[in-house]
Amino acid sequence: MNIQRPNLFLGCITGTSVDGLDIALIRIADSQSIAIERAETVPLPDKLRKTLLELGQPGADDLDQTGYCDIELGHFIGEAINSLLHRWGLKPTDIAAIGSHGQTIRHRPPTANRPYGFSTQIGDPNQIAERSKLTTVADFRRRDMAAGGHGAPLAPPFHQALFGHLSGTTVVLNIGGISNISILGKTPSGFDTGPGNALMDSWCERHIGTPYDQSGKWAAAGKIDESLLAACLSDSYFQLTPPKSTGREYFNLTWLNQYSKLSTTSPVDVQATLCALTVTSVLNAVHQQAPGIRQLIVCGGGRLNNHLMSSLAQRSDFTVGPSEDWNIDGDAIEAALFAWLAHCRLAALASNEPAVSGAQGYRILGAVYAS
């Protein structure tokens, strides 16, 4: 593939599902003209994935383990980029920059008692820049948080650039480990709705030894426990009004174990209930914040869960479909977001949305690590 343009950017993220390193190559004519040219997911080594999952759990506080994993992930990202560029027939000089999100191991949004939150991502950008020979942009969340925001979700302005031309009220739903929505409009809004795949994945790994429920077949074989579902939905997070954000450090098996009904419900029925929890919390959020919605565009790994997608569609009076129905690769969108954020940083353009994060104003996000 012969691409010789100075407006090519790479983006990468491991995401809250920790199922691989998503890398996307995008071409940018301007901040609102974006083409996703190529994308690929590179599997994480089992040991690295296991450590990343451990570091995202409550109580994980081993600084040595965190420091070494930070270096190891940065090294892995740099080498994965080198390999992809070689296979794609590109050189580092063909790429303007890479935007690397890294792996979130803690996200603590602001609260009434702590008006400034923090968010920690690892995957050392120094390692990425050193090994890939690419200018690397990273640390996208903390400037927004320094301005009093949540630093999340970052996607709504990018989703607006991709899908803002569509008529009618459009909502983009990203289902990773956590689910978040973008409500498109002149000023896009959005927030984390709650769990996406994280609880289902962890429950699968514990009970059937697989990292995820392929196509949602296990959940489809179970029966929703309505009392357990109601108990989960009573969590205070679902009652909060935006801006709001969350992560695996909140919605995890420790959180699930607090519900006494869990001990009397069969594992397969719990899985069905967890799928219903994701679907119900998403639809509640959409109905509350996007009345009159015309279409729900689903991206992220959750769109491959057929049972989840059919449940969303059956319970909706609007169009529900994967982003591929709108000709955009749903596996590439989140990685492409960070490529776009790298472009914005190098162009000195603000890329947060205060209406989403609650920040005190627009800010230029990201720190630059020269090649």
Protein backbone atom coordinates (compact mmCIF):
# COMPACT_ATOMS: atom_id res chain seq x y z
CA MET A 1 0.00 0.00 0.00
CA ASN A 2 1.71 3.19 -1.16
CA ILE A 3 0.71 6.00 1.19
CA GLN A 4 2.81 9.15 1.09
CA ARG A 5 1.00 11.78 3.09
CA PRO A 6 2.16 13.99 5.96
CA ASN A 7 -1.30 13.77 7.51
CA LEU A 8 -1.18 10.15 8.70
CA PHE A 9 -1.53 9.45 12.43
CA LEU A 10 -1.50 6.24 14.43
CA GLY A 11 -3.57 5.64 17.55
CA CYS A 12 -3.50 2.77 20.01
CA ILE A 13 -5.25 1.60 23.16
CA THR A 14 -5.54 -1.61 25.16
CA GLY A 15 -8.92 -0.58 26.58
CA THR A 16 -10.93 -1.61 29.61
CA SER A 17 -11.49 -5.11 28.23
CA VAL A 18 -7.69 -5.68 28.11
CA ASP A 19 -8.21 -8.07 25.19
CA GLY A 20 -5.48 -6.75 22.91
CA LEU A 21 -3.72 -3.67 21.59
CA ASP A 22 -5.94 -1.92 19.05
CA ILE A 23 -3.96 0.13 16.51
CA ALA A 24 -5.54 2.37 13.87
CA LEU A 25 -4.07 4.43 11.04
CA ILE A 26 -6.05 7.53 10.10
CA ARG A 27 -5.72 10.23 7.48
CA ILE A 28 -6.74 13.75 8.47
CA ALA A 29 -7.47 16.56 6.04
CA ASP A 30 -8.72 18.72 8.92
CA SER A 31 -10.17 18.02 12.36
CA GLN A 32 -13.58 17.21 10.90
CA SER A 33 -12.40 15.21 7.84
CA ILE A 34 -11.12 11.87 9.04
CA ALA A 35 -10.60 8.60 7.20
CA ILE A 36 -9.72 5.38 9.01
CA GLU A 37 -7.32 3.71 6.59
CA ARG A 38 -6.22 0.58 8.40
CA ALA A 39 -6.66 -1.09 11.76
CA GLU A 40 -5.50 -4.21 13.54
CA THR A 41 -5.63 -5.77 16.99
CA VAL A 42 -2.42 -7.26 18.34
CA PRO A 43 -2.95 -9.88 21.08
CA LEU A 44 -1.31 -9.14 24.40
CA PRO A 45 1.08 -11.73 25.85
CA ASP A 46 -0.81 -13.74 28.48
CA LYS A 47 1.50 -12.72 31.33
CA LEU A 48 1.26 -9.02 30.46
CA ARG A 49 -2.54 -9.19 30.15
CA LYS A 50 -2.80 -10.96 33.52
CA THR A 51 -0.65 -8.32 35.21
CA LEU A 52 -2.64 -5.46 33.66
CA LEU A 53 -5.88 -7.00 34.91
CA GLU A 54 -4.40 -7.43 38.39
CA LEU A 55 -3.24 -3.80 38.53
CA GLY A 56 -6.77 -2.63 37.71
CA GLN A 57 -8.31 -4.36 40.72
CA PRO A 58 -9.12 -2.68 44.04
CA GLY A 59 -6.24 -2.85 46.48
CA ALA A 60 -3.52 -3.40 43.87
CA ASP A 61 -0.74 -1.15 45.16
CA ASP A 62 2.58 -2.79 44.24
CA LEU A 63 4.63 0.13 42.93
CA ASP A 64 7.43 -2.09 41.67
CA GLN A 65 5.00 -4.22 39.69
CA THR A 66 3.35 -1.08 38.32
CA GLY A 67 6.68 0.46 37.30
CA TYR A 68 7.96 -2.63 35.51
CA CYS A 69 4.60 -3.21 33.80
CA ASP A 70 4.61 0.42 32.64
CA ILE A 71 7.95 -0.21 30.90
CA GLU A 72 6.93 -3.62 29.56
CA LEU A 73 3.70 -2.33 28.02
CA GLY A 74 5.47 0.67 26.47
CA HIS A 75 8.09 -1.65 25.00
CA PHE A 76 5.37 -3.96 23.64
CA ILE A 77 3.48 -1.06 22.04
CA GLY A 78 6.63 0.29 20.38
CA GLU A 79 7.57 -3.10 18.95
CA ALA A 80 3.98 -3.82 17.82
CA ILE A 81 3.94 -0.51 15.93
CA ASN A 82 7.26 -1.32 14.26
CA SER A 83 5.92 -4.67 13.13
CA LEU A 84 2.68 -3.21 11.76
CA LEU A 85 4.43 -0.40 9.89
CA HIS A 86 6.69 -2.96 8.24
CA ARG A 87 3.74 -5.12 7.17
CA TRP A 88 1.78 -2.08 5.99
CA GLY A 89 4.73 -0.88 3.89
CA LEU A 90 5.20 2.34 5.88
CA LYS A 91 8.22 4.03 7.47
CA PRO A 92 8.26 6.11 10.66
CA THR A 93 8.80 9.20 8.48
CA ASP A 94 5.39 8.55 6.86
CA ILE A 95 3.64 9.06 10.21
CA ALA A 96 3.12 12.45 11.83
CA ALA A 97 2.70 11.00 15.34
CA ILE A 98 1.18 8.25 17.40
CA GLY A 99 -1.42 8.90 20.07
CA SER A 100 -1.13 6.27 22.79
CA HIS A 101 -3.73 5.94 25.51
CA GLY A 102 -2.01 3.12 27.35
CA GLN A 103 -3.84 1.03 29.95
CA THR A 104 -5.90 2.63 32.70
CA ILE A 105 -5.14 1.05 36.06
CA ARG A 106 -6.98 3.64 38.18
CA HIS A 107 -9.66 6.17 37.34
CA ARG A 108 -10.97 8.17 40.28
CA PRO A 109 -13.30 10.93 39.08
CA PRO A 110 -13.93 14.04 41.15
CA THR A 111 -16.44 13.81 44.00
CA ALA A 112 -18.04 16.25 46.40
CA ASN A 113 -15.31 15.49 48.95
CA ARG A 114 -12.47 15.44 46.39
CA PRO A 115 -13.18 18.04 43.69
CA TYR A 116 -10.11 17.01 41.68
CA GLY A 117 -9.87 13.38 40.61
CA PHE A 118 -7.04 11.45 39.02
CA SER A 119 -6.59 8.94 36.23
CA THR A 120 -3.51 6.75 35.81
CA GLN A 121 -2.52 5.13 32.53
CA ILE A 122 0.58 3.00 32.04
CA GLY A 123 2.48 2.09 28.88
CA ASP A 124 5.52 4.35 29.07
CA PRO A 125 5.45 6.79 26.11
CA ASN A 126 9.20 7.24 26.41
CA GLN A 127 9.60 3.57 25.55
CA ILE A 128 7.18 3.93 22.62
CA ALA A 129 9.01 6.94 21.18
CA GLU A 130 12.41 5.32 21.70
CA ARG A 131 11.53 2.07 19.99
CA SER A 132 9.21 3.25 17.23
CA LYS A 133 11.13 6.46 16.37
CA LEU A 134 7.74 8.19 16.25
CA THR A 135 6.70 11.37 18.00
CA THR A 136 4.39 10.03 20.69
CA VAL A 137 1.51 11.87 22.34
CA ALA A 138 0.14 10.47 25.59
CA ASP A 139 -1.42 11.46 28.95
CA PHE A 140 -4.69 12.71 27.44
CA ARG A 141 -6.90 12.77 30.52
CA ARG A 142 -5.13 14.65 33.28
CA ARG A 143 -5.27 18.18 31.86
CA ASP A 144 -9.05 17.97 31.71
CA MET A 145 -9.05 16.65 35.27
CA ALA A 146 -6.77 19.49 36.39
CA ALA A 147 -9.51 21.79 35.09
CA GLY A 148 -12.04 20.06 37.32
CA GLY A 149 -13.29 17.54 34.76
CA HIS A 150 -13.61 13.77 34.74
CA GLY A 151 -11.12 13.31 31.90
CA ALA A 152 -13.68 10.92 30.42
CA PRO A 153 -15.21 10.02 28.15
CA LEU A 154 -12.99 11.60 25.51
CA ALA A 155 -14.87 10.17 22.53
CA PRO A 156 -17.91 12.47 21.97
CA PRO A 157 -16.15 15.18 19.87
CA PHE A 158 -14.53 12.46 17.74
CA HIS A 159 -17.82 10.59 17.32
CA GLN A 160 -19.33 13.92 16.28
CA ALA A 161 -16.66 14.27 13.58
CA LEU A 162 -17.34 10.73 12.32
CA PHE A 163 -21.13 10.60 12.49
CA GLY A 164 -22.32 14.17 12.95
CA HIS A 165 -23.57 14.35 9.35
CA LEU A 166 -26.37 11.85 10.07
CA SER A 167 -29.90 13.18 10.33
CA GLY A 168 -32.01 12.76 13.44
CA THR A 169 -30.87 12.27 17.02
CA THR A 170 -27.90 9.89 16.93
CA VAL A 171 -26.19 8.19 19.87
CA VAL A 172 -22.90 6.33 19.57
CA LEU A 173 -22.48 3.53 22.11
CA ASN A 174 -19.01 2.14 22.78
CA ILE A 175 -19.09 -1.17 24.62
CA GLY A 176 -15.67 -2.05 25.95
CA GLY A 177 -15.07 -3.18 29.51
CA ILE A 178 -17.13 -0.11 30.43
CA SER A 179 -19.93 1.31 28.26
CA ASN A 180 -20.09 4.97 27.28
CA ILE A 181 -22.42 6.95 25.07
CA SER A 182 -21.97 10.02 22.88
CA ILE A 183 -25.11 12.03 22.14
CA LEU A 184 -24.40 13.90 18.95
CA GLY A 185 -25.44 17.46 18.24
CA LYS A 186 -24.04 20.96 17.86
CA THR A 187 -22.41 20.42 21.25
CA PRO A 188 -21.99 16.67 21.82
CA SER A 189 -22.62 15.22 25.25
CA GLY A 190 -21.96 11.84 26.79
CA PHE A 191 -20.89 9.82 29.81
CA ASP A 192 -20.04 6.32 31.05
CA THR A 193 -23.30 4.40 31.50
CA GLY A 194 -21.75 1.62 33.60
CA PRO A 195 -20.45 -1.88 32.90
CA GLY A 196 -19.97 -3.11 29.36
CA ASN A 197 -18.08 -6.39 28.96
CA ALA A 198 -15.97 -6.24 32.13
CA LEU A 199 -18.30 -8.07 34.52
CA MET A 200 -19.35 -10.64 31.91
CA ASP A 201 -15.73 -11.32 30.94
CA SER A 202 -14.59 -11.77 34.54
CA TRP A 203 -17.54 -14.04 35.35
CA CYS A 204 -16.77 -16.16 32.26
CA GLU A 205 -13.13 -16.49 33.19
CA ARG A 206 -14.03 -17.58 36.70
CA HIS A 207 -16.71 -20.13 35.80
CA ILE A 208 -16.02 -21.51 32.32
CA GLY A 209 -12.34 -20.63 31.91
CA THR A 210 -12.68 -18.43 28.83
CA PRO A 211 -11.73 -14.73 28.68
CA TYR A 212 -15.13 -13.76 27.23
CA ASP A 213 -18.56 -15.14 26.30
CA GLN A 214 -18.22 -15.70 22.55
CA SER A 215 -21.26 -14.22 20.76
CA GLY A 216 -23.05 -14.18 24.14
CA LYS A 217 -23.94 -17.87 23.81
CA TRP A 218 -23.51 -18.63 27.51
CA ALA A 219 -25.66 -15.67 28.56
CA ALA A 220 -28.30 -16.69 26.01
CA ALA A 221 -28.53 -20.11 27.67
CA GLY A 222 -29.38 -18.57 31.04
CA LYS A 223 -32.38 -16.85 32.58
CA ILE A 224 -32.31 -13.32 33.95
CA ASP A 225 -32.63 -13.18 37.73
CA GLU A 226 -34.84 -10.13 38.07
CA SER A 227 -34.16 -9.60 41.77
CA LEU A 228 -30.39 -9.72 41.25
CA LEU A 229 -30.74 -7.34 38.29
CA ALA A 230 -32.81 -4.91 40.37
CA ALA A 231 -30.23 -5.05 43.17
CA CYS A 232 -27.39 -4.27 40.76
CA LEU A 233 -29.33 -1.41 39.18
CA SER A 234 -29.92 0.11 42.63
CA ASP A 235 -26.22 1.01 42.81
CA SER A 236 -25.76 4.74 43.36
CA TYR A 237 -23.69 5.13 40.17
CA PHE A 238 -26.76 4.60 38.01
CA GLN A 239 -28.60 7.35 39.86
CA LEU A 240 -25.90 9.97 39.28
CA THR A 241 -26.50 12.67 36.70
CA PRO A 242 -23.77 13.54 34.17
CA PRO A 243 -20.95 14.35 34.10
CA LYS A 244 -19.96 10.93 35.35
CA SER A 245 -17.33 8.30 34.60
CA THR A 246 -16.24 4.97 36.02
CA GLY A 247 -13.96 1.98 35.41
CA ARG A 248 -13.05 -1.60 36.23
CA GLU A 249 -11.79 -0.53 39.63
CA TYR A 250 -15.47 0.05 40.49
CA PHE A 251 -17.45 -2.46 38.42
CA ASN A 252 -15.68 -5.77 39.09
CA LEU A 253 -16.30 -9.10 40.80
CA THR A 254 -15.68 -7.56 44.22
CA TRP A 255 -18.55 -5.17 43.47
CA LEU A 256 -20.72 -8.07 42.28
CA ASN A 257 -19.97 -10.20 45.35
CA GLN A 258 -21.75 -7.71 47.62
CA TYR A 259 -25.13 -8.97 46.40
CA SER A 260 -26.35 -11.87 48.55
CA LYS A 261 -28.61 -13.17 45.76
CA LEU A 262 -25.44 -14.11 43.88
CA SER A 263 -24.91 -17.20 46.05
CA THR A 264 -28.30 -18.71 45.16
CA THR A 265 -28.23 -17.97 41.43
CA SER A 266 -26.66 -20.43 38.97
CA PRO A 267 -23.56 -19.16 37.16
CA VAL A 268 -25.26 -19.23 33.75
CA ASP A 269 -28.20 -17.21 35.10
CA VAL A 270 -25.77 -14.69 36.61
CA GLN A 271 -24.19 -14.31 33.16
CA ALA A 272 -27.61 -13.69 31.61
CA THR A 273 -28.29 -11.13 34.34
CA LEU A 274 -24.97 -9.36 33.79
CA CYS A 275 -25.75 -9.04 30.08
CA ALA A 276 -29.16 -7.62 31.03
CA LEU A 277 -27.44 -5.19 33.41
CA THR A 278 -25.34 -3.78 30.56
CA VAL A 279 -28.36 -3.55 28.23
CA THR A 280 -30.69 -2.02 30.82
CA SER A 281 -28.22 0.55 32.13
CA VAL A 282 -27.43 1.65 28.56
CA LEU A 283 -31.08 1.97 27.55
CA ASN A 284 -32.00 3.79 30.77
CA ALA A 285 -29.24 6.30 30.07
CA VAL A 286 -30.27 6.75 26.44
CA HIS A 287 -33.95 7.27 27.26
CA GLN A 288 -33.12 9.76 30.02
CA GLN A 289 -30.57 11.81 28.11
CA ALA A 290 -31.47 11.39 24.42
CA PRO A 291 -35.27 11.45 24.07
CA GLY A 292 -36.36 11.09 20.47
CA ILE A 293 -33.27 9.09 19.53
CA ARG A 294 -33.38 7.85 15.94
CA GLN A 295 -30.37 5.54 15.79
CA LEU A 296 -27.93 3.85 18.15
CA ILE A 297 -24.55 3.13 16.54
CA VAL A 298 -22.61 0.47 18.46
CA CYS A 299 -18.82 0.13 18.39
CA GLY A 300 -16.27 -1.70 20.51
CA GLY A 301 -16.01 -5.40 21.30
CA GLY A 302 -19.52 -5.60 22.74
CA ARG A 303 -21.05 -5.23 19.29
CA LEU A 304 -19.77 -8.78 18.57
CA ASN A 305 -21.93 -10.18 21.38
CA ASN A 306 -24.95 -11.28 19.36
CA HIS A 307 -27.10 -11.89 22.43
CA LEU A 308 -26.37 -8.41 23.79
CA MET A 309 -27.04 -6.76 20.43
CA SER A 310 -30.31 -8.61 19.89
CA SER A 311 -31.40 -7.68 23.44
CA LEU A 312 -30.68 -4.01 22.72
CA ALA A 313 -32.62 -4.16 19.44
CA GLN A 314 -35.61 -6.03 20.89
CA ARG A 315 -36.03 -3.48 23.65
CA SER A 316 -35.64 -0.38 21.44
CA ASP A 317 -38.02 1.56 19.21
CA PHE A 318 -35.08 3.03 17.26
CA THR A 319 -32.48 1.61 14.90
CA VAL A 320 -29.70 -0.35 16.61
CA GLY A 321 -26.71 -1.61 14.64
CA PRO A 322 -22.94 -2.01 14.62
CA SER A 323 -20.90 0.87 13.21
CA GLU A 324 -20.17 -1.29 10.17
CA ASP A 325 -23.76 -0.57 9.09
CA TRP A 326 -22.50 3.00 8.64
CA ASN A 327 -19.29 1.81 6.90
CA ILE A 328 -16.90 2.30 9.83
CA ASP A 329 -14.91 -0.51 11.47
CA GLY A 330 -16.15 -0.81 15.05
CA ASP A 331 -12.85 -2.27 16.25
CA ALA A 332 -10.93 0.74 14.95
CA ILE A 333 -12.90 3.68 16.34
CA GLU A 334 -11.42 3.89 19.83
CA ALA A 335 -7.82 3.57 18.61
CA ALA A 336 -8.59 6.11 15.86
CA LEU A 337 -9.80 8.50 18.58
CA PHE A 338 -6.30 8.66 20.04
CA ALA A 339 -4.77 9.22 16.62
CA TRP A 340 -7.16 12.17 16.25
CA LEU A 341 -6.24 13.44 19.71
CA ALA A 342 -2.56 13.32 18.73
CA HIS A 343 -3.39 15.43 15.67
CA CYS A 344 -5.25 17.93 17.85
CA ARG A 345 -2.32 18.17 20.28
CA LEU A 346 0.24 18.83 17.55
CA ALA A 347 -2.11 21.39 15.97
CA ALA A 348 -2.61 23.04 19.41
CA LEU A 349 -6.38 22.44 19.22
CA ALA A 350 -8.53 21.93 22.30
CA SER A 351 -10.01 18.42 22.19
CA ASN A 352 -11.99 18.00 25.39
CA GLU A 353 -15.67 18.87 25.67
CA PRO A 354 -16.59 20.61 28.94
CA ALA A 355 -20.25 19.67 28.44
CA VAL A 356 -19.13 16.03 28.69
CA SER A 357 -16.40 16.08 31.32
CA GLY A 358 -17.47 18.98 33.50
CA ALA A 359 -14.13 20.75 33.05
CA GLN A 360 -13.97 24.50 33.56
CA GLY A 361 -13.28 25.08 29.87
CA TYR A 362 -11.72 23.79 26.68
CA ARG A 363 -8.17 22.50 27.04
CA ILE A 364 -5.39 21.16 24.80
CA LEU A 365 -4.90 17.56 25.85
CA GLY A 366 -1.80 15.37 25.79
CA ALA A 367 1.94 15.52 26.36
CA VAL A 368 4.42 15.24 23.48
CA TYR A 369 7.41 12.87 23.55
CA ALA A 370 9.63 13.73 20.59
CA SER A 371 10.95 10.97 18.35
